[in-house]
C-alpha atoms as a PDB file:
ATOM      1  CA  MET A   1     -84.363  40.479 401.232  1.00  0.00           C
ATOM      2  CA  GLU A   2     -80.847  40.432 399.810  1.00  0.00           C
ATOM      3  CA  VAL A   3     -78.644  37.487 400.565  1.00  0.00           C
ATOM      4  CA  ALA A   4     -75.041  38.259 401.420  1.00  0.00           C
ATOM      5  CA  SER A   5     -72.479  36.806 399.069  1.00  0.00           C
ATOM      6  CA  ALA A   6     -70.949  33.530 400.295  1.00  0.00           C
ATOM      7  CA  ARG A   7     -67.560  34.467 398.974  1.00  0.00           C
ATOM      8  CA  PRO A   8     -65.731  36.899 401.188  1.00  0.00           C
ATOM      9  CA  GLY A   9     -63.884  39.688 399.482  1.00  0.00           C
ATOM     10  CA  ARG A  10     -60.185  39.227 398.843  1.00  0.00           C
ATOM     11  CA  ARG A  11     -58.082  40.982 401.371  1.00  0.00           C
ATOM     12  CA  ARG A  12     -55.590  43.433 400.011  1.00  0.00           C
ATOM     13  CA  ARG A  13     -52.067  43.321 401.293  1.00  0.00           C
ATOM     14  CA  PRO A  14     -50.911  46.402 403.151  1.00  0.00           C
ATOM     15  CA  LEU A  15     -48.867  48.786 401.031  1.00  0.00           C
ATOM     16  CA  SER A  16     -45.954  48.542 403.468  1.00  0.00           C
ATOM     17  CA  THR A  17     -45.798  44.755 403.027  1.00  0.00           C
ATOM     18  CA  THR A  18     -45.779  45.085 399.234  1.00  0.00           C
ATOM     19  CA  LEU A  19     -43.023  47.690 399.291  1.00  0.00           C
ATOM     20  CA  ALA A  20     -40.963  45.565 401.699  1.00  0.00           C
ATOM     21  CA  GLN A  21     -41.030  42.671 399.210  1.00  0.00           C
ATOM     22  CA  ILE A  22     -39.809  44.755 396.278  1.00  0.00           C
ATOM     23  CA  GLY A  23     -36.215  44.856 397.508  1.00  0.00           C
ATOM     24  CA  PRO A  24     -35.773  41.070 397.971  1.00  0.00           C
ATOM     25  CA  HIS A  25     -37.460  40.373 394.638  1.00  0.00           C
ATOM     26  CA  VAL A  26     -35.199  42.830 392.820  1.00  0.00           C
ATOM     27  CA  ALA A  27     -32.147  41.255 394.469  1.00  0.00           C
ATOM     28  CA  LEU A  28     -33.301  37.762 393.447  1.00  0.00           C
ATOM     29  CA  ILE A  29     -33.904  38.897 389.858  1.00  0.00           C
ATOM     30  CA  LEU A  30     -30.415  40.419 389.681  1.00  0.00           C
ATOM     31  CA  CYS A  31     -28.874  37.222 391.060  1.00  0.00           C
ATOM     32  CA  CYS A  32     -30.768  35.138 388.507  1.00  0.00           C
ATOM     33  CA  CYS A  33     -29.654  37.399 385.681  1.00  0.00           C
ATOM     34  CA  SER A  34     -26.021  37.275 386.822  1.00  0.00           C
ATOM     35  CA  SER A  35     -26.220  33.471 386.682  1.00  0.00           C
ATOM     36  CA  ILE A  36     -28.105  33.149 383.401  1.00  0.00           C
ATOM     37  CA  VAL A  37     -26.381  35.822 381.286  1.00  0.00           C
ATOM     38  CA  PRO A  38     -22.932  34.085 381.166  1.00  0.00           C
ATOM     39  CA  PHE A  39     -24.621  30.851 380.118  1.00  0.00           C
ATOM     40  CA  LEU A  40     -26.606  32.642 377.393  1.00  0.00           C
ATOM     41  CA  TRP A  41     -23.416  34.329 376.171  1.00  0.00           C
ATOM     42  CA  MET A  42     -21.693  30.941 375.963  1.00  0.00           C
ATOM     43  CA  PHE A  43     -24.664  29.535 374.059  1.00  0.00           C
ATOM     44  CA  MET A  44     -24.635  32.404 371.554  1.00  0.00           C
ATOM     45  CA  ALA A  45     -20.841  32.309 371.211  1.00  0.00           C
ATOM     46  CA  SER A  46     -20.937  28.627 370.279  1.00  0.00           C
ATOM     47  CA  PHE A  47     -22.820  29.525 367.068  1.00  0.00           C
ATOM     48  CA  ARG A  48     -20.487  32.348 365.950  1.00  0.00           C
ATOM     49  CA  ASN A  49     -17.312  32.278 363.919  1.00  0.00           C
ATOM     50  CA  TYR A  50     -14.081  33.546 365.424  1.00  0.00           C
ATOM     51  CA  LYS A  51     -13.979  36.884 363.604  1.00  0.00           C
ATOM     52  CA  GLU A  52     -17.500  37.837 364.622  1.00  0.00           C
ATOM     53  CA  LEU A  53     -16.938  36.740 368.208  1.00  0.00           C
ATOM     54  CA  VAL A  54     -13.904  38.992 368.762  1.00  0.00           C
ATOM     55  CA  THR A  55     -15.140  42.000 366.778  1.00  0.00           C
ATOM     56  CA  SER A  56     -18.926  42.173 367.091  1.00  0.00           C
ATOM     57  CA  ARG A  57     -20.599  43.735 370.133  1.00  0.00           C
ATOM     58  CA  SER A  58     -23.990  42.215 369.347  1.00  0.00           C
ATOM     59  CA  PHE A  59     -25.347  39.703 371.834  1.00  0.00           C
ATOM     60  CA  PHE A  60     -26.938  37.571 369.112  1.00  0.00           C
ATOM     61  CA  PRO A  61     -24.928  36.029 366.248  1.00  0.00           C
ATOM     62  CA  GLN A  62     -25.252  37.759 362.902  1.00  0.00           C
ATOM     63  CA  VAL A  63     -24.467  34.520 361.057  1.00  0.00           C
ATOM     64  CA  TRP A  64     -25.424  31.276 362.801  1.00  0.00           C
ATOM     65  CA  THR A  65     -23.080  28.343 362.184  1.00  0.00           C
ATOM     66  CA  LEU A  66     -22.657  24.756 363.396  1.00  0.00           C
ATOM     67  CA  LYS A  67     -19.023  24.547 362.301  1.00  0.00           C
ATOM     68  CA  ASN A  68     -17.754  24.930 365.872  1.00  0.00           C
ATOM     69  CA  TYR A  69     -19.617  21.808 366.975  1.00  0.00           C
ATOM     70  CA  GLN A  70     -18.380  19.935 363.911  1.00  0.00           C
ATOM     71  CA  ASP A  71     -14.774  20.869 364.701  1.00  0.00           C
ATOM     72  CA  ILE A  72     -15.143  19.723 368.322  1.00  0.00           C
ATOM     73  CA  ILE A  73     -16.753  16.399 367.459  1.00  0.00           C
ATOM     74  CA  LEU A  74     -14.544  15.514 364.467  1.00  0.00           C
ATOM     75  CA  ARG A  75     -11.143  16.850 365.545  1.00  0.00           C
ATOM     76  CA  VAL A  76     -10.843  16.549 369.308  1.00  0.00           C
ATOM     77  CA  ASN A  77     -11.868  12.903 369.868  1.00  0.00           C
ATOM     78  CA  PHE A  78     -14.961  14.163 371.624  1.00  0.00           C
ATOM     79  CA  PRO A  79     -17.292  11.151 370.999  1.00  0.00           C
ATOM     80  CA  VAL A  80     -14.880   8.773 372.767  1.00  0.00           C
ATOM     81  CA  ALA A  81     -14.503  11.150 375.703  1.00  0.00           C
ATOM     82  CA  PHE A  82     -18.289  11.574 375.869  1.00  0.00           C
ATOM     83  CA  LYS A  83     -18.763   7.803 375.986  1.00  0.00           C
ATOM     84  CA  ASN A  84     -16.150   7.475 378.732  1.00  0.00           C
ATOM     85  CA  SER A  85     -17.856  10.169 380.798  1.00  0.00           C
ATOM     86  CA  VAL A  86     -21.270   8.542 380.374  1.00  0.00           C
ATOM     87  CA  VAL A  87     -19.967   5.108 381.405  1.00  0.00           C
ATOM     88  CA  ALA A  88     -18.061   6.461 384.402  1.00  0.00           C
ATOM     89  CA  ALA A  89     -20.803   8.810 385.628  1.00  0.00           C
ATOM     90  CA  ILE A  90     -23.648   6.299 385.309  1.00  0.00           C
ATOM     91  CA  SER A  91     -21.659   3.433 386.864  1.00  0.00           C
ATOM     92  CA  VAL A  92     -20.549   5.500 389.837  1.00  0.00           C
ATOM     93  CA  THR A  93     -23.989   7.048 390.333  1.00  0.00           C
ATOM     94  CA  VAL A  94     -25.888   3.744 390.338  1.00  0.00           C
ATOM     95  CA  VAL A  95     -23.523   1.964 392.722  1.00  0.00           C
ATOM     96  CA  MET A  96     -23.073   4.998 394.970  1.00  0.00           C
ATOM     97  CA  VAL A  97     -26.826   5.435 395.395  1.00  0.00           C
ATOM     98  CA  LEU A  98     -27.244   1.757 396.325  1.00  0.00           C
ATOM     99  CA  THR A  99     -24.362   1.715 398.810  1.00  0.00           C
ATOM    100  CA  SER A 100     -25.426   5.011 400.364  1.00  0.00           C
ATOM    101  CA  SER A 101     -28.997   3.777 400.744  1.00  0.00           C
ATOM    102  CA  ALA A 102     -27.885   0.504 402.298  1.00  0.00           C
ATOM    103  CA  LEU A 103     -25.496   2.153 404.763  1.00  0.00           C
ATOM    104  CA  GLY A 104     -28.040   4.850 405.563  1.00  0.00           C
ATOM    105  CA  PHE A 105     -30.593   2.145 406.342  1.00  0.00           C
ATOM    106  CA  VAL A 106     -28.138   0.332 408.604  1.00  0.00           C
ATOM    107  CA  PHE A 107     -27.167   3.450 410.532  1.00  0.00           C
ATOM    108  CA  ALA A 108     -30.800   4.534 410.880  1.00  0.00           C
ATOM    109  CA  LYS A 109     -32.603   1.295 411.770  1.00  0.00           C
ATOM    110  CA  TYR A 110     -30.044  -1.128 413.209  1.00  0.00           C
ATOM    111  CA  ARG A 111     -28.624  -1.152 416.699  1.00  0.00           C
ATOM    112  CA  PHE A 112     -25.066  -2.291 417.297  1.00  0.00           C
ATOM    113  CA  TRP A 113     -22.187  -1.352 419.550  1.00  0.00           C
ATOM    114  CA  GLY A 114     -20.312   1.784 418.532  1.00  0.00           C
ATOM    115  CA  LYS A 115     -22.835   2.856 415.880  1.00  0.00           C
ATOM    116  CA  GLU A 116     -22.823   6.540 416.770  1.00  0.00           C
ATOM    117  CA  GLN A 117     -19.037   6.657 417.150  1.00  0.00           C
ATOM    118  CA  LEU A 118     -18.556   4.938 413.793  1.00  0.00           C
ATOM    119  CA  PHE A 119     -20.974   7.335 412.135  1.00  0.00           C
ATOM    120  CA  THR A 120     -19.142  10.305 413.656  1.00  0.00           C
ATOM    121  CA  ILE A 121     -15.827   9.010 412.322  1.00  0.00           C
ATOM    122  CA  LEU A 122     -17.444   8.534 408.913  1.00  0.00           C
ATOM    123  CA  LEU A 123     -18.729  12.107 408.886  1.00  0.00           C
ATOM    124  CA  SER A 124     -15.323  13.431 409.926  1.00  0.00           C
ATOM    125  CA  THR A 125     -13.893  12.212 406.613  1.00  0.00           C
ATOM    126  CA  MET A 126     -15.918  14.969 404.911  1.00  0.00           C
ATOM    127  CA  MET A 127     -13.578  17.478 406.548  1.00  0.00           C
ATOM    128  CA  VAL A 128     -10.469  15.963 404.916  1.00  0.00           C
ATOM    129  CA  PRO A 129      -9.474  17.772 401.673  1.00  0.00           C
ATOM    130  CA  PHE A 130      -9.179  15.546 398.634  1.00  0.00           C
ATOM    131  CA  ALA A 131      -5.595  16.733 398.058  1.00  0.00           C
ATOM    132  CA  VAL A 132      -4.597  15.035 401.330  1.00  0.00           C
ATOM    133  CA  VAL A 133      -5.724  11.585 400.151  1.00  0.00           C
ATOM    134  CA  LEU A 134      -4.768  12.043 396.505  1.00  0.00           C
ATOM    135  CA  VAL A 135      -1.361  10.349 396.690  1.00  0.00           C
ATOM    136  CA  PRO A 136      -2.436   7.373 398.892  1.00  0.00           C
ATOM    137  CA  LEU A 137      -5.481   6.877 396.685  1.00  0.00           C
ATOM    138  CA  TYR A 138      -3.342   6.898 393.544  1.00  0.00           C
ATOM    139  CA  LEU A 139      -0.940   4.353 395.043  1.00  0.00           C
ATOM    140  CA  THR A 140      -3.852   2.094 395.922  1.00  0.00           C
ATOM    141  CA  VAL A 141      -5.276   2.337 392.405  1.00  0.00           C
ATOM    142  CA  ALA A 142      -1.814   1.663 390.951  1.00  0.00           C
ATOM    143  CA  ARG A 143      -1.466  -1.525 393.019  1.00  0.00           C
ATOM    144  CA  LEU A 144      -4.809  -2.684 391.657  1.00  0.00           C
ATOM    145  CA  GLY A 145      -3.543  -2.114 388.113  1.00  0.00           C
ATOM    146  CA  LEU A 146      -6.228   0.457 387.305  1.00  0.00           C
ATOM    147  CA  VAL A 147      -4.018   3.373 386.279  1.00  0.00           C
ATOM    148  CA  ASN A 148      -5.011   4.719 382.851  1.00  0.00           C
ATOM    149  CA  GLN A 149      -8.225   2.680 383.056  1.00  0.00           C
ATOM    150  CA  LEU A 150     -11.792   3.892 383.476  1.00  0.00           C
ATOM    151  CA  GLY A 151     -12.044   1.500 386.399  1.00  0.00           C
ATOM    152  CA  GLY A 152      -9.544   3.673 388.247  1.00  0.00           C
ATOM    153  CA  ILE A 153     -12.008   6.564 388.441  1.00  0.00           C
ATOM    154  CA  ILE A 154     -15.063   4.333 388.846  1.00  0.00           C
ATOM    155  CA  VAL A 155     -14.167   2.128 391.834  1.00  0.00           C
ATOM    156  CA  THR A 156     -13.102   5.113 393.935  1.00  0.00           C
ATOM    157  CA  GLY A 157     -16.586   6.616 393.693  1.00  0.00           C
ATOM    158  CA  PHE A 158     -18.611   3.600 394.800  1.00  0.00           C
ATOM    159  CA  TRP A 159     -19.423   5.169 398.151  1.00  0.00           C
ATOM    160  CA  SER A 160     -20.093   8.689 399.347  1.00  0.00           C
ATOM    161  CA  THR A 161     -20.005  10.022 402.903  1.00  0.00           C
ATOM    162  CA  PHE A 162     -22.436  12.761 401.981  1.00  0.00           C
ATOM    163  CA  GLY A 163     -24.724  10.169 400.401  1.00  0.00           C
ATOM    164  CA  VAL A 164     -24.691   8.016 403.534  1.00  0.00           C
ATOM    165  CA  PHE A 165     -25.503  11.045 405.686  1.00  0.00           C
ATOM    166  CA  MET A 166     -28.297  12.185 403.385  1.00  0.00           C
ATOM    167  CA  MET A 167     -29.948   8.766 403.183  1.00  0.00           C
ATOM    168  CA  ARG A 168     -29.627   8.194 406.937  1.00  0.00           C
ATOM    169  CA  GLN A 169     -31.499  11.434 407.545  1.00  0.00           C
ATOM    170  CA  PHE A 170     -34.409  10.140 405.478  1.00  0.00           C
ATOM    171  CA  MET A 171     -34.288   6.534 406.693  1.00  0.00           C
ATOM    172  CA  GLU A 172     -34.870   7.746 410.233  1.00  0.00           C
ATOM    173  CA  THR A 173     -38.290   9.064 409.155  1.00  0.00           C
ATOM    174  CA  ILE A 174     -39.452   5.625 407.970  1.00  0.00           C
ATOM    175  CA  PRO A 175     -41.748   4.117 410.646  1.00  0.00           C
ATOM    176  CA  THR A 176     -40.022   1.238 412.390  1.00  0.00           C
ATOM    177  CA  GLU A 177     -43.391  -0.494 412.757  1.00  0.00           C
ATOM    178  CA  ILE A 178     -43.511  -1.140 408.992  1.00  0.00           C
ATOM    179  CA  ILE A 179     -40.135  -2.860 409.065  1.00  0.00           C
ATOM    180  CA  ASP A 180     -41.028  -4.877 412.183  1.00  0.00           C
ATOM    181  CA  ALA A 181     -44.310  -5.987 410.595  1.00  0.00           C
ATOM    182  CA  ALA A 182     -42.431  -7.215 407.526  1.00  0.00           C
ATOM    183  CA  ARG A 183     -40.027  -9.178 409.741  1.00  0.00           C
ATOM    184  CA  ILE A 184     -42.941 -10.772 411.590  1.00  0.00           C
ATOM    185  CA  ASP A 185     -44.406 -11.839 408.234  1.00  0.00           C
ATOM    186  CA  GLY A 186     -41.131 -13.623 407.484  1.00  0.00           C
ATOM    187  CA  ALA A 187     -39.475 -11.159 405.112  1.00  0.00           C
ATOM    188  CA  GLY A 188     -35.687 -11.217 405.133  1.00  0.00           C
ATOM    189  CA  GLU A 189     -33.514  -8.117 405.370  1.00  0.00           C
ATOM    190  CA  PRO A 190     -32.680  -7.977 401.621  1.00  0.00           C
ATOM    191  CA  ARG A 191     -36.378  -8.263 400.756  1.00  0.00           C
ATOM    192  CA  ILE A 192     -37.268  -5.538 403.268  1.00  0.00           C
ATOM    193  CA  PHE A 193     -34.622  -3.250 401.811  1.00  0.00           C
ATOM    194  CA  PHE A 194     -35.471  -3.758 398.144  1.00  0.00           C
ATOM    195  CA  THR A 195     -39.284  -4.033 398.352  1.00  0.00           C
ATOM    196  CA  ILE A 196     -40.126  -1.659 401.218  1.00  0.00           C
ATOM    197  CA  VAL A 197     -37.289   0.776 401.909  1.00  0.00           C
ATOM    198  CA  ILE A 198     -36.164   1.596 398.373  1.00  0.00           C
ATOM    199  CA  PRO A 199     -39.687   2.374 397.040  1.00  0.00           C
ATOM    200  CA  MET A 200     -40.273   4.695 399.993  1.00  0.00           C
ATOM    201  CA  ALA A 201     -36.890   6.357 399.462  1.00  0.00           C
ATOM    202  CA  SER A 202     -37.235   6.950 395.719  1.00  0.00           C
ATOM    203  CA  ALA A 203     -37.312  10.762 396.001  1.00  0.00           C
ATOM    204  CA  PRO A 204     -34.161  11.117 398.186  1.00  0.00           C
ATOM    205  CA  MET A 205     -32.403   8.549 396.002  1.00  0.00           C
ATOM    206  CA  ALA A 206     -33.265  10.602 392.893  1.00  0.00           C
ATOM    207  CA  ALA A 207     -31.873  13.722 394.563  1.00  0.00           C
ATOM    208  CA  LEU A 208     -28.699  11.871 395.537  1.00  0.00           C
ATOM    209  CA  ALA A 209     -28.378  10.453 392.018  1.00  0.00           C
ATOM    210  CA  THR A 210     -28.586  13.983 390.611  1.00  0.00           C
ATOM    211  CA  PHE A 211     -25.847  15.145 392.974  1.00  0.00           C
ATOM    212  CA  GLY A 212     -23.699  12.123 392.166  1.00  0.00           C
ATOM    213  CA  PHE A 213     -24.069  12.376 388.397  1.00  0.00           C
ATOM    214  CA  MET A 214     -23.229  16.094 388.367  1.00  0.00           C
ATOM    215  CA  ASP A 215     -20.215  15.584 390.620  1.00  0.00           C
ATOM    216  CA  ASN A 216     -18.791  12.711 388.584  1.00  0.00           C
ATOM    217  CA  TRP A 217     -19.551  14.275 385.210  1.00  0.00           C
ATOM    218  CA  ASP A 218     -17.654  17.450 386.180  1.00  0.00           C
ATOM    219  CA  SER A 219     -14.799  15.641 387.943  1.00  0.00           C
ATOM    220  CA  PHE A 220     -11.450  16.900 386.680  1.00  0.00           C
ATOM    221  CA  LEU A 221      -8.570  16.460 389.141  1.00  0.00           C
ATOM    222  CA  TRP A 222      -8.850  12.725 389.804  1.00  0.00           C
ATOM    223  CA  PRO A 223      -9.348  11.719 386.125  1.00  0.00           C
ATOM    224  CA  LEU A 224      -6.437  14.002 385.228  1.00  0.00           C
ATOM    225  CA  VAL A 225      -4.177  12.062 387.606  1.00  0.00           C
ATOM    226  CA  VAL A 226      -5.361   8.570 386.681  1.00  0.00           C
ATOM    227  CA  LEU A 227      -6.049   8.793 382.929  1.00  0.00           C
ATOM    228  CA  ASN A 228      -3.191   9.440 380.498  1.00  0.00           C
ATOM    229  CA  SER A 229      -4.199   8.073 377.094  1.00  0.00           C
ATOM    230  CA  PRO A 230      -6.347  10.293 374.838  1.00  0.00           C
ATOM    231  CA  ASN A 231      -8.803   7.429 374.237  1.00  0.00           C
ATOM    232  CA  LYS A 232      -9.358   7.072 377.997  1.00  0.00           C
ATOM    233  CA  GLN A 233      -9.986  10.714 378.823  1.00  0.00           C
ATOM    234  CA  THR A 234     -13.330  12.167 379.873  1.00  0.00           C
ATOM    235  CA  VAL A 235     -15.162  15.291 378.684  1.00  0.00           C
ATOM    236  CA  PRO A 236     -13.641  17.737 381.247  1.00  0.00           C
ATOM    237  CA  LEU A 237     -10.132  16.639 380.234  1.00  0.00           C
ATOM    238  CA  ILE A 238     -10.932  17.097 376.545  1.00  0.00           C
ATOM    239  CA  ILE A 239     -12.366  20.554 377.191  1.00  0.00           C
ATOM    240  CA  ALA A 240      -9.266  21.516 379.188  1.00  0.00           C
ATOM    241  CA  GLY A 241      -7.083  20.251 376.336  1.00  0.00           C
ATOM    242  CA  LEU A 242      -8.712  22.725 373.963  1.00  0.00           C
ATOM    243  CA  ARG A 243      -6.631  25.458 375.553  1.00  0.00           C
ATOM    244  CA  SER A 244      -3.409  23.884 374.334  1.00  0.00           C
ATOM    245  CA  LEU A 245      -4.796  22.988 370.898  1.00  0.00           C
ATOM    246  CA  TYR A 246      -6.805  26.141 370.185  1.00  0.00           C
ATOM    247  CA  TRP A 247      -5.750  28.600 372.840  1.00  0.00           C
ATOM    248  CA  THR A 248      -7.374  31.584 371.090  1.00  0.00           C
ATOM    249  CA  ARG A 249     -10.391  29.812 369.587  1.00  0.00           C
ATOM    250  CA  TYR A 250     -12.976  30.962 372.085  1.00  0.00           C
ATOM    251  CA  GLU A 251     -15.865  29.830 369.918  1.00  0.00           C
ATOM    252  CA  LEU A 252     -14.582  26.238 370.130  1.00  0.00           C
ATOM    253  CA  TRP A 253     -14.323  26.537 373.907  1.00  0.00           C
ATOM    254  CA  ALA A 254     -17.924  27.718 374.011  1.00  0.00           C
ATOM    255  CA  ALA A 255     -19.123  24.847 371.810  1.00  0.00           C
ATOM    256  CA  GLY A 256     -17.228  22.286 373.871  1.00  0.00           C
ATOM    257  CA  SER A 257     -18.603  23.735 377.093  1.00  0.00           C
ATOM    258  CA  MET A 258     -22.137  23.557 375.740  1.00  0.00           C
ATOM    259  CA  LEU A 259     -21.683  19.911 374.797  1.00  0.00           C
ATOM    260  CA  SER A 260     -20.475  19.153 378.319  1.00  0.00           C
ATOM    261  CA  VAL A 261     -23.365  21.026 379.968  1.00  0.00           C
ATOM    262  CA  VAL A 262     -26.233  19.510 377.964  1.00  0.00           C
ATOM    263  CA  PRO A 263     -26.212  16.082 379.731  1.00  0.00           C
ATOM    264  CA  ILE A 264     -26.340  17.736 383.158  1.00  0.00           C
ATOM    265  CA  MET A 265     -29.242  19.930 382.063  1.00  0.00           C
ATOM    266  CA  ALA A 266     -31.073  16.890 380.708  1.00  0.00           C
ATOM    267  CA  VAL A 267     -30.582  14.913 383.925  1.00  0.00           C
ATOM    268  CA  TYR A 268     -31.738  17.790 386.090  1.00  0.00           C
ATOM    269  CA  ALA A 269     -34.751  18.502 383.859  1.00  0.00           C
ATOM    270  CA  PHE A 270     -35.777  14.850 384.142  1.00  0.00           C
ATOM    271  CA  ALA A 271     -35.249  14.578 387.916  1.00  0.00           C
ATOM    272  CA  SER A 272     -35.995  18.134 389.041  1.00  0.00           C
ATOM    273  CA  GLN A 273     -39.281  17.343 390.780  1.00  0.00           C
ATOM    274  CA  TYR A 274     -37.741  14.340 392.552  1.00  0.00           C
ATOM    275  CA  PHE A 275     -34.657  16.395 393.364  1.00  0.00           C
ATOM    276  CA  ILE A 276     -36.600  19.153 395.155  1.00  0.00           C
ATOM    277  CA  ARG A 277     -38.878  16.695 396.963  1.00  0.00           C
ATOM    278  CA  GLY A 278     -35.928  14.511 397.954  1.00  0.00           C
ATOM    279  CA  ILE A 279     -34.033  17.423 399.484  1.00  0.00           C
ATOM    280  CA  ALA A 280     -37.122  18.376 401.491  1.00  0.00           C
ATOM    281  CA  MET A 281     -37.780  14.808 402.663  1.00  0.00           C
ATOM    282  CA  SER A 282     -34.162  14.180 403.697  1.00  0.00           C
ATOM    283  CA  GLY A 283     -34.138  17.204 405.997  1.00  0.00           C
ATOM    284  CA  LEU A 284     -31.219  18.926 404.244  1.00  0.00           C
ATOM    285  CA  LYS A 285     -31.041  22.553 403.241  1.00  0.00           C
ATOM    286  CA  ALA A 286     -30.445  23.184 399.535  1.00  0.00           C
END
């Protein structure tokens, strides 16, 4: 007597379903290519000399060279600008994540008069264009004596409305019973926040840190207004200054752009898994 196989046969998808998925997949592939090809061209252009870049139609360099990177690093004060960008981006990111987490915890788990109205007013500030507050913000920074100082672009980024909203969305999913049990055991509010809330919110905090680092690393308008001295400028300002120094040297632009993109790629590669999980846990749509 033959025994029937325990493993059921794999069901084949209907042909109509397979054909219906071809169109979306082709569209997604085209979108990916349209995003990746310019970056690949910039990468290849950074290793070419000027003559080959403007005359050759080949996608790959015929003669690979590192001279463009040497010119950027040695002639354009790039190491100082890179250090300034790292200091500013890391300082703002660390403090912004902490303040956003703390405020998100307060708005999610504390009860006080006018909480919802205050949160609504806070969210309404996201609708105000930065150009509207540019002049008042500059005057405030000038009164603090932070013009042409890295502190002028750091202190203004210590809090983020989007960060508060994102962390509040996640903090509401934390069971209140855990926090109440810690209070019954005698834990104070700072201990609850740093030993219970922050470990549970590590994924959303990593996602917010990725957002914050990318935003501050690429910031151009506010540093342009505040920073004047060449030794105080950040990477985006140095890259923009290449147009006045080498307005036809496209290979130098490509090399400078690659140097400015590498840190962002490294941060995202390190925090990608936390970034995706944090977006999902916070209830936001990417």
